[in-house]
């Protein structure tokens, strides 16, 4: 079944990203008149004229034939446009279309002869069906000719010779090829479109720069329309593969997002009924589209969570990992968490944590982490169902430190629930977390420090952390470049200082006092100074520490922090200057 007729407005939209092709000038027409006319084009003109005359003599279905006559006249006008450039009829795109149109004219002529009799041999119902089919074919030809002409492909072929194209830049060659393929994807048979998709996929896979060029030419709306209108599973599979490739190029993602619900709905249909390969490609594209609240809500309301969880249970290893990645994005949004609960997602995701590929496990843990965030009941459910064991298993098998980021995030999320925090400490997670404070991956270091803040819930735990060498590692983090790292380390240190033994360890740290004082500087923006004030306040009773603070310029910084009403700053400043002669000698 042919795709519905594309209106003039829609054709204009498909090529809105490129300048409109001007109609040929009088000079071009005259030049074309001087060149030989393609015999097939001449023959079709004669066929259409003859057919228009025949339709006036039909005896049955006169209303339908009157409409067909109008379409024949429209076709003649479209062909007149097509014949203006001298080389247009020789263009492979137009040549295929002309052959198809010629075959339709021949069939129409035979059908018109049948309708000259009030009692057609095949019966009126059969003849009416054939007439309706002919009318649809003519609509498709009109649409194809309009798309072909508006695409500008014919003007380019008339104006640019093959040697010129060959000698042009690579970018220009890709641009011309992309425009040709865009046109082929909108006209002709299913087989022709399938071949064009093969060529397009080759072009896109060759180089990401080709993707950017094709997107700039307007390939995305064409692909979305093709995915929305085609009934062929082969066409859908190749189309979603092209869309998936485009989604992997950062600079092109916004164009896909702009297609909105039309693209989203079609990708979800592929998830429900597409081939295994097509489902994988659909997941790749959905991963990009699932980052917004609006799209996440749409995916949830259209059964997308259910389809993705089904893939997590029954799909191929690769599709499971990809589906879990989409679910990981969706679980961020509070609005659709109910969809996860209704589909019993926790057990499915935990199952994938234990049996999937490394990427599937990572995405599943990440999804669970997002899902249970802020919900202690869900955290306890995941913990009871084996979530902590799954975290330990993935931790022990993680190939790189970067892969540990998701499990440390999960431990941090678990640790915010007091009951689970106690279990984590009892099962040796303190050693695991402390060991990551000098990890080479910044994100992992920050998450590890944040997790320790929740795990250090009593003095017993704080004592253990001090004995593990945690203080030295945290002081080293204070010297890190990232503001987030400095603050995460200071936050934990301020808590660990509540245990007297840790204060003694901190006082022995060569750079401990100096680093904390330097980070009081008000010029350091986006850094919560109260944690550094708390650290210094915990050791201010030591004469040696007070001298170190004053020598490092603490009084000057604190005076400014007092003006900003930073918590604890005035008390610490008073402690430093309480009747001590050495308090006068401050750094300018």
Protein backbone atom coordinates (compact mmCIF):
# COMPACT_ATOMS: atom_id res chain seq x y z
CA UNK A 1 0.00 0.00 0.00
CA UNK A 2 1.40 3.35 -1.03
CA UNK A 3 2.03 6.13 1.47
CA UNK A 4 -0.62 8.88 1.51
CA UNK A 5 -0.13 11.87 -0.71
CA UNK A 6 2.29 14.40 0.73
CA UNK A 7 0.75 17.84 0.50
CA UNK A 8 2.57 20.81 -0.90
CA UNK A 9 3.01 22.22 2.60
CA UNK A 10 4.54 18.98 3.89
CA UNK A 11 6.94 18.76 0.96
CA UNK A 12 8.04 22.28 1.74
CA UNK A 13 8.65 21.33 5.36
CA UNK A 14 10.80 18.34 4.45
CA UNK A 15 13.21 20.59 2.63
CA UNK A 16 12.92 23.59 4.94
CA UNK A 17 16.56 23.24 6.01
CA UNK A 18 17.83 24.04 2.53
CA UNK A 19 17.12 27.05 0.29
CA UNK A 20 14.07 26.55 -1.96
CA UNK A 21 14.89 25.61 -5.53
CA UNK A 22 13.89 28.42 -7.92
CA UNK A 23 11.69 27.58 -10.91
CA UNK A 24 13.70 27.38 -14.12
CA UNK A 25 14.15 30.62 -15.96
CA UNK A 26 13.03 31.36 -19.50
CA UNK A 27 16.61 30.93 -20.66
CA UNK A 28 16.75 27.48 -19.14
CA UNK A 29 13.49 26.55 -20.87
CA UNK A 30 14.82 27.74 -24.20
CA UNK A 31 18.04 25.79 -23.64
CA UNK A 32 16.03 22.70 -22.81
CA UNK A 33 13.88 23.12 -25.94
CA UNK A 34 17.02 23.00 -28.08
CA UNK A 35 18.07 19.62 -26.66
CA UNK A 36 16.54 16.28 -27.61
CA UNK A 37 13.51 15.27 -25.53
CA UNK A 38 13.46 11.85 -23.90
CA UNK A 39 11.24 9.54 -26.00
CA UNK A 40 9.62 8.03 -22.91
CA UNK A 41 8.63 11.47 -21.66
CA UNK A 42 7.07 12.29 -25.05
CA UNK A 43 5.23 8.97 -25.07
CA UNK A 44 3.79 9.61 -21.58
CA UNK A 45 2.51 13.02 -22.67
CA UNK A 46 0.70 11.35 -25.55
CA UNK A 47 -0.65 8.63 -23.26
CA UNK A 48 -2.04 11.20 -20.82
CA UNK A 49 -3.69 13.23 -23.57
CA UNK A 50 -5.28 10.13 -25.07
CA UNK A 51 -6.37 8.89 -21.66
CA UNK A 52 -7.98 12.23 -20.79
CA UNK A 53 -10.07 12.00 -23.94
CA UNK A 54 -11.05 8.36 -23.27
CA UNK A 55 -12.33 9.14 -19.77
CA UNK A 56 -15.01 11.47 -21.16
CA UNK A 57 -16.74 8.49 -22.86
CA UNK A 58 -16.96 6.07 -19.93
CA UNK A 59 -20.43 4.71 -19.12
CA UNK A 60 -19.98 3.77 -15.45
CA UNK A 61 -18.40 5.36 -12.38
CA UNK A 62 -18.41 8.72 -14.09
CA UNK A 63 -17.80 10.64 -10.85
CA UNK A 64 -14.66 8.67 -10.12
CA UNK A 65 -13.43 9.02 -13.68
CA UNK A 66 -14.05 12.77 -13.55
CA UNK A 67 -11.74 12.96 -10.54
CA UNK A 68 -9.18 10.83 -12.39
CA UNK A 69 -9.33 13.23 -15.34
CA UNK A 70 -8.43 16.10 -13.00
CA UNK A 71 -5.49 14.11 -11.72
CA UNK A 72 -4.33 13.38 -15.27
CA UNK A 73 -4.28 17.11 -16.01
CA UNK A 74 -2.28 17.69 -12.82
CA UNK A 75 0.18 15.01 -13.93
CA UNK A 76 0.65 16.71 -17.29
CA UNK A 77 1.46 19.97 -15.51
CA UNK A 78 3.93 18.24 -13.20
CA UNK A 79 5.61 16.56 -16.18
CA UNK A 80 5.94 19.92 -17.90
CA UNK A 81 7.87 21.15 -14.87
CA UNK A 82 9.96 18.01 -14.90
CA UNK A 83 10.89 18.38 -18.56
CA UNK A 84 12.27 21.91 -18.26
CA UNK A 85 15.86 20.94 -17.36
CA UNK A 86 17.30 19.18 -20.39
CA UNK A 87 18.88 16.33 -18.39
CA UNK A 88 15.92 15.81 -16.06
CA UNK A 89 14.42 12.82 -17.88
CA UNK A 90 17.81 11.10 -17.89
CA UNK A 91 18.18 11.45 -14.12
CA UNK A 92 17.96 7.97 -12.53
CA UNK A 93 15.33 9.21 -10.08
CA UNK A 94 13.06 10.62 -12.76
CA UNK A 95 13.76 7.74 -15.14
CA UNK A 96 12.41 5.17 -12.64
CA UNK A 97 9.42 7.36 -12.00
CA UNK A 98 8.68 7.81 -15.72
CA UNK A 99 8.77 4.04 -16.31
CA UNK A 100 6.36 3.51 -13.45
CA UNK A 101 4.08 6.28 -14.73
CA UNK A 102 4.09 4.82 -18.23
CA UNK A 103 3.00 1.44 -16.85
CA UNK A 104 0.19 3.11 -14.90
CA UNK A 105 -0.99 4.94 -18.03
CA UNK A 106 -1.12 1.68 -19.98
CA UNK A 107 -3.14 0.01 -17.22
CA UNK A 108 -5.43 3.05 -16.99
CA UNK A 109 -6.08 2.97 -20.74
CA UNK A 110 -7.14 -0.68 -20.53
CA UNK A 111 -9.40 0.05 -17.55
CA UNK A 112 -11.00 3.01 -19.33
CA UNK A 113 -11.82 0.71 -22.27
CA UNK A 114 -13.56 -1.69 -19.88
CA UNK A 115 -15.68 1.15 -18.50
CA UNK A 116 -16.96 2.12 -21.95
CA UNK A 117 -19.53 -0.64 -21.42
CA UNK A 118 -22.29 -0.22 -18.82
CA UNK A 119 -21.80 -3.88 -17.89
CA UNK A 120 -18.06 -4.54 -17.43
CA UNK A 121 -16.98 -8.22 -17.78
CA UNK A 122 -15.59 -8.48 -14.23
CA UNK A 123 -18.61 -6.93 -12.58
CA UNK A 124 -19.16 -3.43 -11.27
CA UNK A 125 -17.70 -4.00 -7.78
CA UNK A 126 -14.43 -5.40 -9.11
CA UNK A 127 -14.17 -2.58 -11.64
CA UNK A 128 -14.85 0.02 -8.95
CA UNK A 129 -12.02 -1.43 -6.84
CA UNK A 130 -9.66 -1.24 -9.81
CA UNK A 131 -10.68 2.37 -10.50
CA UNK A 132 -10.04 3.30 -6.85
CA UNK A 133 -6.64 1.62 -7.04
CA UNK A 134 -5.82 3.57 -10.20
CA UNK A 135 -6.82 6.82 -8.51
CA UNK A 136 -4.49 6.06 -5.58
CA UNK A 137 -1.62 5.29 -7.96
CA UNK A 138 -2.12 8.62 -9.74
CA UNK A 139 -2.07 10.39 -6.35
CA UNK A 140 1.24 8.69 -5.60
CA UNK A 141 2.70 9.72 -8.98
CA UNK A 142 1.60 13.33 -8.46
CA UNK A 143 3.18 13.33 -5.03
CA UNK A 144 6.39 11.75 -6.31
CA UNK A 145 6.72 14.30 -9.11
CA UNK A 146 6.11 17.18 -6.73
CA UNK A 147 8.68 15.88 -4.25
CA UNK A 148 11.19 15.25 -7.04
CA UNK A 149 10.81 18.76 -8.43
CA UNK A 150 10.82 20.60 -5.08
CA UNK A 151 13.88 18.68 -3.86
CA UNK A 152 16.10 20.61 -6.27
CA UNK A 153 17.83 17.40 -7.36
CA UNK A 154 16.89 17.93 -11.01
CA UNK A 155 18.21 21.50 -11.07
CA UNK A 156 21.47 20.35 -9.53
CA UNK A 157 21.85 17.61 -12.11
CA UNK A 158 21.12 20.05 -14.91
CA UNK A 159 23.51 22.67 -13.60
CA UNK A 160 26.37 20.46 -12.40
CA UNK A 161 28.12 17.98 -14.60
CA UNK A 162 29.51 14.73 -13.23
CA UNK A 163 33.17 15.80 -13.53
CA UNK A 164 32.30 18.93 -11.56
CA UNK A 165 30.79 16.87 -8.77
CA UNK A 166 33.74 14.50 -8.71
CA UNK A 167 36.19 17.35 -8.49
CA UNK A 168 34.24 19.21 -5.78
CA UNK A 169 34.95 18.94 -2.09
CA UNK A 170 34.05 15.85 -0.11
CA UNK A 171 31.50 17.85 1.85
CA UNK A 172 29.72 18.99 -1.30
CA UNK A 173 29.68 15.43 -2.66
CA UNK A 174 28.09 14.17 0.53
CA UNK A 175 25.56 17.00 0.45
CA UNK A 176 24.52 16.16 -3.11
CA UNK A 177 24.29 12.45 -2.29
CA UNK A 178 22.24 13.14 0.83
CA UNK A 179 19.76 15.26 -1.12
CA UNK A 180 19.42 12.57 -3.77
CA UNK A 181 18.80 9.92 -1.13
CA UNK A 182 16.26 12.12 0.65
CA UNK A 183 14.33 12.37 -2.59
CA UNK A 184 14.52 8.63 -3.27
CA UNK A 185 13.15 7.93 0.20
CA UNK A 186 10.01 9.89 -0.67
CA UNK A 187 9.19 8.54 -4.11
CA UNK A 188 8.99 5.23 -5.89
CA UNK A 189 8.38 1.68 -4.76
CA UNK A 190 9.17 0.00 -1.46
CA UNK A 191 12.11 -1.77 -3.09
CA UNK A 192 13.50 1.54 -4.34
CA UNK A 193 13.20 3.08 -0.88
CA UNK A 194 14.86 0.06 0.69
CA UNK A 195 17.84 0.42 -1.66
CA UNK A 196 18.05 4.13 -0.86
CA UNK A 197 18.08 3.34 2.86
CA UNK A 198 20.98 0.93 2.33
CA UNK A 199 22.95 3.69 0.63
CA UNK A 200 22.00 6.19 3.34
CA UNK A 201 23.13 3.84 6.10
CA UNK A 202 26.45 3.39 4.33
CA UNK A 203 26.85 7.16 4.12
CA UNK A 204 25.99 7.71 7.79
CA UNK A 205 28.20 4.89 9.08
CA UNK A 206 31.18 6.13 7.09
CA UNK A 207 31.76 9.29 9.13
CA UNK A 208 29.96 11.30 11.80
CA UNK A 209 30.57 14.40 9.67
CA UNK A 210 28.35 12.80 7.03
CA UNK A 211 25.62 12.53 9.67
CA UNK A 212 25.85 16.25 10.37
CA UNK A 213 25.67 17.08 6.66
CA UNK A 214 22.66 14.80 6.10
CA UNK A 215 20.88 16.25 9.12
CA UNK A 216 21.56 19.79 7.88
CA UNK A 217 19.96 18.84 4.56
CA UNK A 218 16.78 17.76 6.37
CA UNK A 219 17.07 13.96 6.50
CA UNK A 220 15.44 13.59 9.93
CA UNK A 221 11.88 14.71 8.98
CA UNK A 222 12.08 12.45 5.92
CA UNK A 223 13.05 9.44 8.05
CA UNK A 224 10.38 10.17 10.64
CA UNK A 225 7.70 10.41 7.94
CA UNK A 226 8.95 7.18 6.38
CA UNK A 227 8.85 5.40 9.74
CA UNK A 228 5.35 6.74 10.35
CA UNK A 229 3.90 5.89 6.92
CA UNK A 230 5.58 2.66 5.80
CA UNK A 231 3.93 -0.72 6.30
CA UNK A 232 7.09 -2.64 5.40
CA UNK A 233 8.94 -4.18 8.35
CA UNK A 234 12.16 -4.05 6.33
CA UNK A 235 11.76 -0.32 5.72
CA UNK A 236 10.95 0.30 9.38
CA UNK A 237 14.01 -1.65 10.52
CA UNK A 238 16.38 0.23 8.23
CA UNK A 239 14.78 3.58 9.05
CA UNK A 240 15.07 3.11 12.80
CA UNK A 241 18.70 2.04 12.27
CA UNK A 242 19.41 5.34 10.52
CA UNK A 243 17.65 7.29 13.29
CA UNK A 244 19.66 5.38 15.92
CA UNK A 245 22.90 6.30 14.19
CA UNK A 246 21.90 9.98 14.09
CA UNK A 247 21.08 9.83 17.82
CA UNK A 248 24.67 8.85 18.63
CA UNK A 249 26.06 12.11 17.22
CA UNK A 250 25.83 14.76 19.92
CA UNK A 251 25.27 17.73 17.61
CA UNK A 252 22.31 16.03 15.94
CA UNK A 253 20.36 14.95 19.01
CA UNK A 254 18.35 18.17 19.26
CA UNK A 255 16.93 17.60 15.78
CA UNK A 256 15.51 14.22 16.84
CA UNK A 257 14.13 15.69 20.05
CA UNK A 258 12.36 18.38 17.99
CA UNK A 259 10.37 15.67 16.18
CA UNK A 260 8.50 15.09 19.43
CA UNK A 261 5.70 12.58 19.90
CA UNK A 262 5.51 11.45 16.27
CA UNK A 263 8.99 9.94 16.46
CA UNK A 264 8.49 8.77 20.03
CA UNK A 265 5.28 6.90 19.26
CA UNK A 266 6.80 5.14 16.27
CA UNK A 267 9.85 4.05 18.25
CA UNK A 268 7.55 2.63 20.93
CA UNK A 269 5.63 0.68 18.27
CA UNK A 270 8.92 -0.82 17.13
CA UNK A 271 9.58 -1.86 20.75
CA UNK A 272 6.24 -3.67 20.80
CA UNK A 273 6.28 -5.43 17.45
CA UNK A 274 9.60 -4.91 15.69
CA UNK A 275 12.37 -7.40 15.05
CA UNK A 276 15.05 -8.03 17.67
CA UNK A 277 17.47 -5.88 15.69
CA UNK A 278 14.95 -3.08 15.30
CA UNK A 279 14.18 -3.12 19.03
CA UNK A 280 17.87 -2.64 19.81
CA UNK A 281 18.07 0.34 17.48
CA UNK A 282 14.87 1.78 18.90
CA UNK A 283 16.37 1.62 22.40
CA UNK A 284 19.45 3.52 21.21
CA UNK A 285 17.25 6.36 19.93
CA UNK A 286 14.94 6.27 22.96
CA UNK A 287 17.91 6.74 25.27
CA UNK A 288 18.32 10.22 23.80
CA UNK A 289 14.61 11.02 23.86
CA UNK A 290 14.01 9.78 27.42
CA UNK A 291 15.99 12.55 29.10
CA UNK A 292 13.10 15.03 29.25
CA UNK A 293 10.17 14.94 31.66
CA UNK A 294 7.60 15.37 28.88
CA UNK A 295 8.96 12.46 26.85
CA UNK A 296 9.37 10.29 29.93
CA UNK A 297 5.73 10.88 30.82
CA UNK A 298 4.69 10.00 27.26
CA UNK A 299 6.74 6.78 27.29
CA UNK A 300 5.19 5.78 30.60
CA UNK A 301 1.62 6.48 29.49
CA UNK A 302 2.04 4.51 26.26
CA UNK A 303 3.27 1.29 27.85
CA UNK A 304 6.94 1.93 27.17
CA UNK A 305 8.10 0.82 30.63
CA UNK A 306 6.34 -2.52 30.20
CA UNK A 307 7.90 -3.07 26.75
CA UNK A 308 11.38 -2.19 28.01
CA UNK A 309 11.08 -4.50 31.02
CA UNK A 310 9.97 -7.31 28.71
CA UNK A 311 13.15 -6.82 26.69
CA UNK A 312 15.14 -6.92 29.96
CA UNK A 313 13.63 -10.33 30.64
CA UNK A 314 13.56 -11.93 27.20
CA UNK A 315 15.77 -9.90 24.88
CA UNK A 316 19.26 -10.52 23.60
CA UNK A 317 22.15 -9.57 25.91
CA UNK A 318 22.77 -6.38 23.95
CA UNK A 319 19.11 -5.35 23.82
CA UNK A 320 18.78 -5.98 27.55
CA UNK A 321 21.63 -3.58 28.26
CA UNK A 322 20.16 -0.94 25.95
CA UNK A 323 16.63 -1.29 27.38
CA UNK A 324 18.00 -0.99 30.93
CA UNK A 325 19.79 2.19 29.84
CA UNK A 326 16.50 3.76 28.75
CA UNK A 327 14.82 2.65 31.99
CA UNK A 328 17.70 4.20 33.92
CA UNK A 329 16.87 7.57 32.35
CA UNK A 330 13.14 7.19 32.97
CA UNK A 331 13.52 6.25 36.64
CA UNK A 332 14.82 9.75 37.38
CA UNK A 333 11.35 11.21 36.94
CA UNK A 334 9.01 10.96 39.91
CA UNK A 335 5.97 11.16 37.63
CA UNK A 336 6.45 7.69 36.17
CA UNK A 337 7.88 5.77 39.12
CA UNK A 338 4.39 4.36 39.63
CA UNK A 339 4.72 2.66 36.23
CA UNK A 340 7.80 0.83 37.50
CA UNK A 341 6.03 -0.32 40.65
CA UNK A 342 2.96 -1.51 38.71
CA UNK A 343 5.18 -3.58 36.42
CA UNK A 344 7.11 -5.15 39.33
CA UNK A 345 10.27 -3.63 37.90
CA UNK A 346 12.43 -4.17 40.99
CA UNK A 347 12.55 -7.95 40.62
CA UNK A 348 13.16 -7.76 36.87
CA UNK A 349 16.03 -5.31 37.31
CA UNK A 350 17.57 -7.32 40.15
CA UNK A 351 17.42 -10.40 37.95
CA UNK A 352 19.30 -8.54 35.24
CA UNK A 353 21.86 -7.37 37.81
CA UNK A 354 22.74 -11.00 38.40
CA UNK A 355 22.59 -12.41 34.88
CA UNK A 356 23.15 -9.68 32.31
CA UNK A 357 26.26 -8.35 30.63
CA UNK A 358 28.48 -5.87 32.46
CA UNK A 359 26.67 -2.96 30.77
CA UNK A 360 23.26 -4.47 31.54
CA UNK A 361 24.23 -4.86 35.19
CA UNK A 362 25.56 -1.32 35.38
CA UNK A 363 22.41 0.15 33.83
CA UNK A 364 20.15 -1.99 36.03
CA UNK A 365 21.91 -0.86 39.21
CA UNK A 366 21.76 2.73 37.96
CA UNK A 367 18.04 2.36 37.26
CA UNK A 368 17.37 0.91 40.72
CA UNK A 369 19.41 3.70 42.28
CA UNK A 370 17.29 6.36 40.55
CA UNK A 371 14.10 4.46 41.30
CA UNK A 372 14.58 4.13 45.08
CA UNK A 373 16.00 7.62 45.61
CA UNK A 374 13.95 9.41 48.25
CA UNK A 375 11.87 6.32 49.10
CA UNK A 376 13.09 4.34 52.12
CA UNK A 377 10.42 1.67 51.62
CA UNK A 378 11.71 0.93 48.13
CA UNK A 379 15.30 0.94 49.40
CA UNK A 380 14.40 -1.67 52.00
CA UNK A 381 12.59 -3.76 49.37
CA UNK A 382 15.63 -3.74 47.06
CA UNK A 383 17.93 -4.57 49.98
CA UNK A 384 15.72 -7.47 51.12
CA UNK A 385 15.53 -8.88 47.59
CA UNK A 386 19.31 -9.11 47.25
CA UNK A 387 20.25 -5.65 46.03
CA UNK A 388 23.26 -5.33 48.33
CA UNK A 389 24.63 -8.70 47.21
CA UNK A 390 24.21 -7.60 43.59
CA UNK A 391 26.16 -4.41 44.34
CA UNK A 392 29.01 -6.39 45.93
CA UNK A 393 29.10 -8.82 43.02
CA UNK A 394 29.30 -6.04 40.41
CA UNK A 395 31.88 -4.17 42.50
CA UNK A 396 34.16 -7.20 42.61
CA UNK A 397 33.93 -7.76 38.85
CA UNK A 398 33.97 -4.15 37.62
CA UNK A 399 36.59 -3.86 34.84
CA UNK A 400 37.60 -0.24 35.57
CA UNK A 401 37.32 2.35 38.34
CA UNK A 402 34.95 4.33 36.13
CA UNK A 403 32.47 1.45 36.23
CA UNK A 404 32.40 1.69 40.02
CA UNK A 405 30.66 5.07 39.93
CA UNK A 406 27.20 3.53 39.67
CA UNK A 407 27.70 1.09 42.56
CA UNK A 408 29.16 3.78 44.85
CA UNK A 409 26.14 5.92 44.00
CA UNK A 410 23.94 2.97 44.97
CA UNK A 411 25.80 2.53 48.28
CA UNK A 412 25.37 6.25 48.95
CA UNK A 413 21.64 5.95 48.24
CA UNK A 414 21.33 2.89 50.49
CA UNK A 415 23.35 4.57 53.26
CA UNK A 416 20.83 7.41 53.53
CA UNK A 417 18.47 4.84 55.09
CA UNK A 418 19.70 4.22 58.69
CA UNK A 419 18.65 0.56 58.81
CA UNK A 420 20.53 -0.25 55.61
CA UNK A 421 23.56 1.88 56.61
CA UNK A 422 24.07 -0.33 59.66
CA UNK A 423 23.93 -3.45 57.48
CA UNK A 424 26.45 -1.97 55.02
CA UNK A 425 28.93 -1.21 57.80
CA UNK A 426 28.52 -4.71 59.21
CA UNK A 427 29.24 -6.19 55.77
CA UNK A 428 32.57 -4.48 55.18
CA UNK A 429 31.55 -1.60 52.96
CA UNK A 430 33.62 0.93 54.94
CA UNK A 431 36.86 -0.62 53.65
CA UNK A 432 35.50 -0.64 50.10
CA UNK A 433 34.52 3.03 50.21
CA UNK A 434 37.68 4.30 51.95
CA UNK A 435 39.75 2.51 49.31
CA UNK A 436 38.16 4.74 46.64
CA UNK A 437 39.08 8.09 48.24
CA UNK A 438 42.34 8.13 46.26
CA UNK A 439 40.76 6.72 43.10
CA UNK A 440 41.88 8.30 39.83
CA UNK A 441 38.27 9.01 38.80
CA UNK A 442 37.02 12.32 40.23
CA UNK A 443 33.35 11.33 40.24
CA UNK A 444 34.06 8.13 42.15
CA UNK A 445 36.10 10.02 44.80
CA UNK A 446 33.31 12.53 45.35
CA UNK A 447 30.62 9.82 45.62
CA UNK A 448 32.79 7.82 48.02
CA UNK A 449 33.14 10.81 50.33
CA UNK A 450 29.41 11.50 50.16
CA UNK A 451 28.65 7.86 50.99
CA UNK A 452 30.97 8.01 54.03
CA UNK A 453 29.05 10.99 55.37
CA UNK A 454 25.94 8.81 55.72
CA UNK A 455 27.84 5.73 56.88
CA UNK A 456 29.64 7.60 59.70
CA UNK A 457 26.46 7.74 61.74
CA UNK A 458 28.04 7.08 65.19
CA UNK A 459 31.38 7.40 66.99
CA UNK A 460 32.12 3.71 66.65
CA UNK A 461 32.02 3.97 62.88
CA UNK A 462 33.94 7.27 62.95
CA UNK A 463 36.65 5.61 65.02
CA UNK A 464 36.90 2.76 62.51
CA UNK A 465 37.24 5.21 59.65
CA UNK A 466 40.02 7.09 61.44
CA UNK A 467 41.91 3.86 62.04
CA UNK A 468 41.58 2.98 58.33
CA UNK A 469 43.58 6.09 57.34
CA UNK A 470 40.51 7.97 56.14
CA UNK A 471 41.61 11.35 57.59
CA UNK A 472 44.79 11.56 55.51
CA UNK A 473 42.91 10.71 52.30
CA UNK A 474 40.25 13.32 52.98
CA UNK A 475 42.86 16.00 53.69
CA UNK A 476 44.44 15.17 50.34
CA UNK A 477 41.02 15.68 48.70
CA UNK A 478 40.89 19.19 50.17
CA UNK A 479 43.72 20.04 47.79
CA UNK A 480 41.83 18.74 44.76
CA UNK A 481 40.95 21.07 41.90
CA UNK A 482 37.19 20.51 41.84
CA UNK A 483 35.03 22.54 44.25
CA UNK A 484 32.71 19.52 44.62
CA UNK A 485 35.60 17.34 45.78
CA UNK A 486 36.79 19.87 48.35
CA UNK A 487 33.31 20.28 49.81
CA UNK A 488 32.54 16.54 49.90
CA UNK A 489 35.80 15.88 51.78
CA UNK A 490 35.21 18.77 54.22
CA UNK A 491 31.68 17.59 54.94
CA UNK A 492 32.91 14.14 56.02
CA UNK A 493 35.85 15.57 57.97
CA UNK A 494 33.55 17.89 59.93
CA UNK A 495 31.57 14.81 61.00
CA UNK A 496 34.60 12.64 61.79
CA UNK A 497 36.00 15.41 64.04
CA UNK A 498 33.24 14.61 66.54
CA UNK A 499 35.41 11.67 67.68
CA UNK A 500 38.37 12.79 69.80
CA UNK A 501 40.76 10.25 68.30
CA UNK A 502 40.19 11.63 64.83
CA UNK A 503 40.93 15.16 66.02
CA UNK A 504 44.34 13.96 67.21
CA UNK A 505 44.98 12.36 63.82
CA UNK A 506 43.95 15.55 62.01
CA UNK A 507 46.25 17.74 64.12
CA UNK A 508 49.18 15.59 62.99
CA UNK A 509 48.35 16.10 59.32
CA UNK A 510 50.97 18.45 57.91
CA UNK A 511 48.61 20.25 55.53
CA UNK A 512 45.35 19.76 57.42
CA UNK A 513 45.06 23.17 59.12
CA UNK A 514 46.57 25.08 56.20
CA UNK A 515 44.24 23.54 53.63
CA UNK A 516 41.15 24.15 55.76
CA UNK A 517 42.09 27.80 56.39
CA UNK A 518 42.84 28.52 52.73
CA UNK A 519 39.38 27.22 51.79
CA UNK A 520 37.79 29.84 54.08
CA UNK A 521 38.69 32.45 51.46
CA UNK A 522 35.41 34.20 50.47
CA UNK A 523 36.75 34.58 46.95
CA UNK A 524 36.28 30.83 46.48
CA UNK A 525 32.69 30.76 45.23
CA UNK A 526 30.13 27.94 45.44
CA UNK A 527 31.89 26.41 48.44
CA UNK A 528 29.98 25.99 51.70
CA UNK A 529 32.36 27.47 54.27
CA UNK A 530 30.52 26.13 57.34
CA UNK A 531 32.20 22.72 57.00
CA UNK A 532 35.69 24.23 57.07
CA UNK A 533 34.73 26.43 60.00
CA UNK A 534 33.48 23.31 61.83
CA UNK A 535 36.73 21.41 61.16
CA UNK A 536 38.87 24.24 62.52
CA UNK A 537 36.55 24.82 65.49
CA UNK A 538 37.00 21.18 66.51
CA UNK A 539 40.77 21.70 67.05
CA UNK A 540 40.86 25.39 68.06
CA UNK A 541 41.40 24.46 71.72
CA UNK A 542 44.89 23.33 70.76
CA UNK A 543 47.38 26.20 71.15
CA UNK A 544 49.50 24.82 68.34
CA UNK A 545 46.50 24.63 66.00
CA UNK A 546 45.44 28.20 66.87
CA UNK A 547 48.89 29.47 65.95
CA UNK A 548 48.77 27.60 62.66
CA UNK A 549 45.33 29.06 61.85
CA UNK A 550 46.40 32.63 62.60
CA UNK A 551 49.63 32.23 60.65
CA UNK A 552 47.63 30.97 57.66
CA UNK A 553 45.41 34.09 57.72
CA UNK A 554 42.30 32.65 59.33
CA UNK A 555 41.31 35.87 61.17
CA UNK A 556 41.07 37.91 57.97
CA UNK A 557 38.94 35.30 56.26
CA UNK A 558 36.73 34.80 59.31
CA UNK A 559 36.01 38.51 59.68
CA UNK A 560 34.55 38.50 56.17
CA UNK A 561 32.62 35.29 56.84
CA UNK A 562 31.13 36.82 59.99
CA UNK A 563 29.81 39.65 57.83
CA UNK A 564 28.20 37.00 55.61
CA UNK A 565 26.64 35.23 58.64
CA UNK A 566 28.42 31.95 57.99
CA UNK A 567 27.49 29.45 60.70
CA UNK A 568 30.12 29.17 63.47
CA UNK A 569 32.44 31.85 61.99
CA UNK A 570 32.00 34.37 64.86
CA UNK A 571 32.59 31.76 67.54
CA UNK A 572 35.76 30.55 65.85
CA UNK A 573 37.00 34.14 65.37
CA UNK A 574 36.43 34.86 69.05
CA UNK A 575 38.32 31.72 70.01
CA UNK A 576 41.32 32.81 67.95
CA UNK A 577 41.47 36.33 69.42
CA UNK A 578 40.55 35.67 73.05
CA UNK A 579 43.19 37.76 74.85
CA UNK A 580 46.13 36.17 73.03
CA UNK A 581 49.07 38.34 72.08
CA UNK A 582 49.84 36.15 69.04
CA UNK A 583 46.41 36.99 67.67
CA UNK A 584 47.65 40.47 66.78
CA UNK A 585 50.14 39.18 64.24
CA UNK A 586 47.90 38.29 61.35
CA UNK A 587 48.64 38.02 57.72
CA UNK A 588 47.47 41.11 55.74
